[in-house]
Amino acid sequence: FHGSEVAYWPNARDHFAGVMQAVPD
C-alpha cells in the first residue's frame, strides 16, 4: 500500500481505519 501526500487526505481518519486495514499484519 502506497499512501501519497497523506497530510492532505480528506477523510484521513476514515482511510486509516479502512483501506489501511486491508493490509494484513
PDB file of all heavy atoms in Angstrom:
ATOM      1  N   PHE A   1       0.837  -1.203   0.000  1.00  0.00           N
ATOM      2  CA  PHE A   1       0.000   0.000   0.000  1.00  0.00           C
ATOM      3  C   PHE A   1       0.868   1.248   0.000  1.00  0.00           C
ATOM      4  O   PHE A   1       1.734   1.422   0.863  1.00  0.00           O
ATOM      5  CB  PHE A   1      -0.919   0.013   1.214  1.00  0.00           C
ATOM      6  CG  PHE A   1      -1.763   1.259   1.308  1.00  0.00           C
ATOM      7  CD1 PHE A   1      -2.759   1.490   0.376  1.00  0.00           C
ATOM      8  CD2 PHE A   1      -1.559   2.189   2.310  1.00  0.00           C
ATOM      9  CE1 PHE A   1      -3.542   2.646   0.445  1.00  0.00           C
ATOM     10  CE2 PHE A   1      -2.326   3.341   2.388  1.00  0.00           C
ATOM     11  CZ  PHE A   1      -3.321   3.564   1.455  1.00  0.00           C
ATOM     12  N   HIS A   2       0.648   2.124  -0.986  1.00  0.00           N
ATOM     13  CA  HIS A   2       1.337   3.404  -1.088  1.00  0.00           C
ATOM     14  C   HIS A   2       0.327   4.512  -0.867  1.00  0.00           C
ATOM     15  O   HIS A   2      -0.568   4.726  -1.687  1.00  0.00           O
ATOM     16  CB  HIS A   2       1.988   3.542  -2.483  1.00  0.00           C
ATOM     17  CG  HIS A   2       2.627   4.878  -2.726  1.00  0.00           C
ATOM     18  ND1 HIS A   2       3.076   5.270  -3.982  1.00  0.00           N
ATOM     19  CD2 HIS A   2       2.900   5.919  -1.897  1.00  0.00           C
ATOM     20  CE1 HIS A   2       3.585   6.477  -3.910  1.00  0.00           C
ATOM     21  NE2 HIS A   2       3.481   6.904  -2.653  1.00  0.00           N
ATOM     22  N   GLY A   3       0.464   5.214   0.262  1.00  0.00           N
ATOM     23  CA  GLY A   3      -0.348   6.386   0.535  1.00  0.00           C
ATOM     24  C   GLY A   3       0.456   7.636   0.233  1.00  0.00           C
ATOM     25  O   GLY A   3       1.510   7.867   0.838  1.00  0.00           O
ATOM     26  N   SER A   4      -0.014   8.444  -0.712  1.00  0.00           N
ATOM     27  CA  SER A   4       0.738   9.609  -1.172  1.00  0.00           C
ATOM     28  C   SER A   4       0.097  10.907  -0.692  1.00  0.00           C
ATOM     29  O   SER A   4      -1.122  11.060  -0.719  1.00  0.00           O
ATOM     30  CB  SER A   4       0.818   9.607  -2.704  1.00  0.00           C
ATOM     31  OG  SER A   4       1.573  10.700  -3.169  1.00  0.00           O
ATOM     32  N   GLU A   5       0.937  11.850  -0.264  1.00  0.00           N
ATOM     33  CA  GLU A   5       0.506  13.154   0.276  1.00  0.00           C
ATOM     34  C   GLU A   5      -0.585  12.956   1.337  1.00  0.00           C
ATOM     35  O   GLU A   5      -1.646  13.576   1.302  1.00  0.00           O
ATOM     36  CB  GLU A   5       0.042  14.081  -0.855  1.00  0.00           C
ATOM     37  CG  GLU A   5       1.156  14.535  -1.777  1.00  0.00           C
ATOM     38  CD  GLU A   5       2.189  15.442  -1.084  1.00  0.00           C
ATOM     39  OE1 GLU A   5       2.018  15.770   0.106  1.00  0.00           O
ATOM     40  OE2 GLU A   5       3.177  15.801  -1.750  1.00  0.00           O
ATOM     41  N   VAL A   6      -0.255  12.123   2.294  1.00  0.00           N
ATOM     42  CA  VAL A   6      -1.234  11.710   3.304  1.00  0.00           C
ATOM     43  C   VAL A   6      -1.704  12.884   4.156  1.00  0.00           C
ATOM     44  O   VAL A   6      -2.860  12.917   4.596  1.00  0.00           O
ATOM     45  CB  VAL A   6      -0.631  10.592   4.187  1.00  0.00           C
ATOM     46  CG1 VAL A   6      -1.588  10.190   5.290  1.00  0.00           C
ATOM     47  CG2 VAL A   6      -0.285   9.388   3.323  1.00  0.00           C
ATOM     48  N   ALA A   7      -0.844  13.860   4.398  1.00  0.00           N
ATOM     49  CA  ALA A   7      -1.233  15.019   5.201  1.00  0.00           C
ATOM     50  C   ALA A   7      -2.357  15.818   4.539  1.00  0.00           C
ATOM     51  O   ALA A   7      -3.028  16.609   5.219  1.00  0.00           O
ATOM     52  CB  ALA A   7      -0.025  15.917   5.438  1.00  0.00           C
ATOM     53  N   TYR A   8      -2.576  15.615   3.250  1.00  0.00           N
ATOM     54  CA  TYR A   8      -3.593  16.359   2.509  1.00  0.00           C
ATOM     55  C   TYR A   8      -4.844  15.522   2.222  1.00  0.00           C
ATOM     56  O   TYR A   8      -5.738  15.984   1.513  1.00  0.00           O
ATOM     57  CB  TYR A   8      -3.007  16.870   1.185  1.00  0.00           C
ATOM     58  CG  TYR A   8      -1.909  17.881   1.377  1.00  0.00           C
ATOM     59  CD1 TYR A   8      -0.602  17.471   1.626  1.00  0.00           C
ATOM     60  CD2 TYR A   8      -2.164  19.246   1.330  1.00  0.00           C
ATOM     61  CE1 TYR A   8       0.416  18.387   1.815  1.00  0.00           C
ATOM     62  CE2 TYR A   8      -1.153  20.173   1.513  1.00  0.00           C
ATOM     63  CZ  TYR A   8       0.140  19.745   1.759  1.00  0.00           C
ATOM     64  OH  TYR A   8       1.139  20.662   1.948  1.00  0.00           O
ATOM     65  N   TRP A   9      -4.912  14.298   2.746  1.00  0.00           N
ATOM     66  CA  TRP A   9      -6.089  13.469   2.508  1.00  0.00           C
ATOM     67  C   TRP A   9      -7.324  14.064   3.175  1.00  0.00           C
ATOM     68  O   TRP A   9      -7.305  14.320   4.392  1.00  0.00           O
ATOM     69  CB  TRP A   9      -5.894  12.083   3.102  1.00  0.00           C
ATOM     70  CG  TRP A   9      -5.035  11.143   2.344  1.00  0.00           C
ATOM     71  CD1 TRP A   9      -4.398  11.346   1.164  1.00  0.00           C
ATOM     72  CD2 TRP A   9      -4.705   9.811   2.759  1.00  0.00           C
ATOM     73  NE1 TRP A   9      -3.695  10.231   0.801  1.00  0.00           N
ATOM     74  CE2 TRP A   9      -3.866   9.269   1.761  1.00  0.00           C
ATOM     75  CE3 TRP A   9      -5.041   9.024   3.862  1.00  0.00           C
ATOM     76  CZ2 TRP A   9      -3.352   7.982   1.842  1.00  0.00           C
ATOM     77  CZ3 TRP A   9      -4.530   7.744   3.946  1.00  0.00           C
ATOM     78  CH2 TRP A   9      -3.703   7.226   2.949  1.00  0.00           C
ATOM     79  N   PRO A  10      -8.411  14.263   2.442  1.00  0.00           N
ATOM     80  CA  PRO A  10      -9.693  14.445   3.109  1.00  0.00           C
ATOM     81  C   PRO A  10     -10.125  13.081   3.672  1.00  0.00           C
ATOM     82  O   PRO A  10      -9.746  12.041   3.135  1.00  0.00           O
ATOM     83  CB  PRO A  10     -10.628  14.909   1.986  1.00  0.00           C
ATOM     84  CG  PRO A  10     -10.009  14.378   0.738  1.00  0.00           C
ATOM     85  CD  PRO A  10      -8.522  14.318   0.973  1.00  0.00           C
ATOM     86  N   ASN A  11     -10.865  13.101   4.743  1.00  0.00           N
ATOM     87  CA  ASN A  11     -11.348  11.847   5.351  1.00  0.00           C
ATOM     88  C   ASN A  11     -10.198  10.939   5.789  1.00  0.00           C
ATOM     89  O   ASN A  11     -10.311   9.705   5.745  1.00  0.00           O
ATOM     90  CB  ASN A  11     -12.242  11.065   4.371  1.00  0.00           C
ATOM     91  CG  ASN A  11     -13.335  11.914   3.756  1.00  0.00           C
ATOM     92  OD1 ASN A  11     -14.041  12.622   4.476  1.00  0.00           O
ATOM     93  ND2 ASN A  11     -13.468  11.871   2.448  1.00  0.00           N
ATOM     94  N   ALA A  12      -9.073  11.560   6.224  1.00  0.00           N
ATOM     95  CA  ALA A  12      -7.894  10.763   6.551  1.00  0.00           C
ATOM     96  C   ALA A  12      -8.174   9.743   7.648  1.00  0.00           C
ATOM     97  O   ALA A  12      -7.715   8.600   7.563  1.00  0.00           O
ATOM     98  CB  ALA A  12      -6.744  11.685   6.968  1.00  0.00           C
ATOM     99  N   ARG A  13      -8.911  10.113   8.657  1.00  0.00           N
ATOM    100  CA  ARG A  13      -9.172   9.179   9.759  1.00  0.00           C
ATOM    101  C   ARG A  13      -9.920   7.943   9.257  1.00  0.00           C
ATOM    102  O   ARG A  13      -9.639   6.818   9.673  1.00  0.00           O
ATOM    103  CB  ARG A  13      -9.964   9.876  10.870  1.00  0.00           C
ATOM    104  CG  ARG A  13     -10.049   9.069  12.161  1.00  0.00           C
ATOM    105  CD  ARG A  13     -10.632   9.909  13.274  1.00  0.00           C
ATOM    106  NE  ARG A  13      -9.791  11.048  13.587  1.00  0.00           N
ATOM    107  CZ  ARG A  13      -8.757  11.002  14.422  1.00  0.00           C
ATOM    108  NH1 ARG A  13      -8.427   9.860  14.998  1.00  0.00           N
ATOM    109  NH2 ARG A  13      -8.053  12.077  14.671  1.00  0.00           N
ATOM    110  N   ASP A  14     -10.871   8.144   8.355  1.00  0.00           N
ATOM    111  CA  ASP A  14     -11.616   7.019   7.794  1.00  0.00           C
ATOM    112  C   ASP A  14     -10.704   6.098   6.991  1.00  0.00           C
ATOM    113  O   ASP A  14     -10.843   4.874   7.033  1.00  0.00           O
ATOM    114  CB  ASP A  14     -12.757   7.517   6.907  1.00  0.00           C
ATOM    115  CG  ASP A  14     -13.853   8.194   7.708  1.00  0.00           C
ATOM    116  OD1 ASP A  14     -14.353   7.580   8.661  1.00  0.00           O
ATOM    117  OD2 ASP A  14     -14.194   9.343   7.378  1.00  0.00           O
ATOM    118  N   HIS A  15      -9.759   6.691   6.249  1.00  0.00           N
ATOM    119  CA  HIS A  15      -8.849   5.875   5.448  1.00  0.00           C
ATOM    120  C   HIS A  15      -7.884   5.074   6.325  1.00  0.00           C
ATOM    121  O   HIS A  15      -7.582   3.921   6.024  1.00  0.00           O
ATOM    122  CB  HIS A  15      -8.077   6.749   4.465  1.00  0.00           C
ATOM    123  CG  HIS A  15      -8.951   7.375   3.416  1.00  0.00           C
ATOM    124  ND1 HIS A  15      -9.876   6.653   2.702  1.00  0.00           N
ATOM    125  CD2 HIS A  15      -9.056   8.656   2.982  1.00  0.00           C
ATOM    126  CE1 HIS A  15     -10.508   7.461   1.861  1.00  0.00           C
ATOM    127  NE2 HIS A  15     -10.024   8.670   2.016  1.00  0.00           N
ATOM    128  N   PHE A  16      -7.427   5.678   7.406  1.00  0.00           N
ATOM    129  CA  PHE A  16      -6.556   4.947   8.316  1.00  0.00           C
ATOM    130  C   PHE A  16      -7.319   3.779   8.951  1.00  0.00           C
ATOM    131  O   PHE A  16      -6.744   2.721   9.199  1.00  0.00           O
ATOM    132  CB  PHE A  16      -6.013   5.869   9.402  1.00  0.00           C
ATOM    133  CG  PHE A  16      -4.745   6.571   9.003  1.00  0.00           C
ATOM    134  CD1 PHE A  16      -4.776   7.798   8.370  1.00  0.00           C
ATOM    135  CD2 PHE A  16      -3.507   6.001   9.261  1.00  0.00           C
ATOM    136  CE1 PHE A  16      -3.608   8.449   8.002  1.00  0.00           C
ATOM    137  CE2 PHE A  16      -2.334   6.634   8.893  1.00  0.00           C
ATOM    138  CZ  PHE A  16      -2.382   7.862   8.260  1.00  0.00           C
ATOM    139  N   ALA A  17      -8.604   3.980   9.187  1.00  0.00           N
ATOM    140  CA  ALA A  17      -9.407   2.913   9.789  1.00  0.00           C
ATOM    141  C   ALA A  17      -9.927   1.926   8.759  1.00  0.00           C
ATOM    142  O   ALA A  17     -10.370   0.831   9.118  1.00  0.00           O
ATOM    143  CB  ALA A  17     -10.594   3.525  10.536  1.00  0.00           C
ATOM    144  N   GLY A  18      -9.843   2.284   7.465  1.00  0.00           N
ATOM    145  CA  GLY A  18     -10.425   1.456   6.417  1.00  0.00           C
ATOM    146  C   GLY A  18      -9.411   0.782   5.527  1.00  0.00           C
ATOM    147  O   GLY A  18      -9.018  -0.357   5.756  1.00  0.00           O
ATOM    148  N   VAL A  19      -8.944   1.511   4.506  1.00  0.00           N
ATOM    149  CA  VAL A  19      -8.110   0.894   3.488  1.00  0.00           C
ATOM    150  C   VAL A  19      -6.806   0.348   4.066  1.00  0.00           C
ATOM    151  O   VAL A  19      -6.317  -0.705   3.648  1.00  0.00           O
ATOM    152  CB  VAL A  19      -7.823   1.880   2.337  1.00  0.00           C
ATOM    153  CG1 VAL A  19      -7.003   3.072   2.796  1.00  0.00           C
ATOM    154  CG2 VAL A  19      -7.118   1.170   1.179  1.00  0.00           C
ATOM    155  N   MET A  20      -6.251   1.012   5.075  1.00  0.00           N
ATOM    156  CA  MET A  20      -5.003   0.509   5.639  1.00  0.00           C
ATOM    157  C   MET A  20      -5.204  -0.805   6.378  1.00  0.00           C
ATOM    158  O   MET A  20      -4.269  -1.597   6.522  1.00  0.00           O
ATOM    159  CB  MET A  20      -4.368   1.555   6.559  1.00  0.00           C
ATOM    160  CG  MET A  20      -3.677   2.658   5.777  1.00  0.00           C
ATOM    161  SD  MET A  20      -2.887   3.880   6.824  1.00  0.00           S
ATOM    162  CE  MET A  20      -1.922   2.853   7.901  1.00  0.00           C
ATOM    163  N   GLN A  21      -6.429  -1.048   6.824  1.00  0.00           N
ATOM    164  CA  GLN A  21      -6.710  -2.329   7.475  1.00  0.00           C
ATOM    165  C   GLN A  21      -6.843  -3.461   6.460  1.00  0.00           C
ATOM    166  O   GLN A  21      -6.949  -4.631   6.846  1.00  0.00           O
ATOM    167  CB  GLN A  21      -7.990  -2.209   8.299  1.00  0.00           C
ATOM    168  CG  GLN A  21      -7.951  -1.131   9.366  1.00  0.00           C
ATOM    169  CD  GLN A  21      -6.760  -1.264  10.293  1.00  0.00           C
ATOM    170  OE1 GLN A  21      -6.475  -2.344  10.779  1.00  0.00           O
ATOM    171  NE2 GLN A  21      -6.045  -0.161  10.521  1.00  0.00           N
ATOM    172  N   ALA A  22      -6.854  -3.105   5.179  1.00  0.00           N
ATOM    173  CA  ALA A  22      -6.915  -4.130   4.141  1.00  0.00           C
ATOM    174  C   ALA A  22      -5.574  -4.827   3.945  1.00  0.00           C
ATOM    175  O   ALA A  22      -5.494  -5.831   3.238  1.00  0.00           O
ATOM    176  CB  ALA A  22      -7.365  -3.504   2.811  1.00  0.00           C
ATOM    177  N   VAL A  23      -4.516  -4.288   4.563  1.00  0.00           N
ATOM    178  CA  VAL A  23      -3.197  -4.920   4.503  1.00  0.00           C
ATOM    179  C   VAL A  23      -3.028  -5.804   5.735  1.00  0.00           C
ATOM    180  O   VAL A  23      -2.987  -5.297   6.853  1.00  0.00           O
ATOM    181  CB  VAL A  23      -2.070  -3.869   4.456  1.00  0.00           C
ATOM    182  CG1 VAL A  23      -0.709  -4.556   4.329  1.00  0.00           C
ATOM    183  CG2 VAL A  23      -2.282  -2.897   3.307  1.00  0.00           C
ATOM    184  N   PRO A  24      -2.964  -7.112   5.583  1.00  0.00           N
ATOM    185  CA  PRO A  24      -2.839  -7.991   6.753  1.00  0.00           C
ATOM    186  C   PRO A  24      -1.500  -7.803   7.451  1.00  0.00           C
ATOM    187  O   PRO A  24      -0.509  -7.409   6.834  1.00  0.00           O
ATOM    188  CB  PRO A  24      -2.963  -9.395   6.152  1.00  0.00           C
ATOM    189  CG  PRO A  24      -2.553  -9.248   4.729  1.00  0.00           C
ATOM    190  CD  PRO A  24      -2.985  -7.873   4.318  1.00  0.00           C
ATOM    191  N   ASP A  25      -1.487  -8.087   8.728  1.00  0.00           N
ATOM    192  CA  ASP A  25      -0.281  -7.940   9.525  1.00  0.00           C
ATOM    193  C   ASP A  25       0.583  -9.175   9.378  1.00  0.00           C
ATOM    194  O   ASP A  25       0.762  -9.971  10.308  1.00  0.00           O
ATOM    195  CB  ASP A  25      -0.662  -7.717  10.993  1.00  0.00           C
ATOM    196  CG  ASP A  25       0.508  -7.229  11.819  1.00  0.00           C
ATOM    197  OD1 ASP A  25       1.493  -6.756  11.226  1.00  0.00           O
ATOM    198  OD2 ASP A  25       0.435  -7.329  13.058  1.00  0.00           O
TER     199      ASP A  25
END
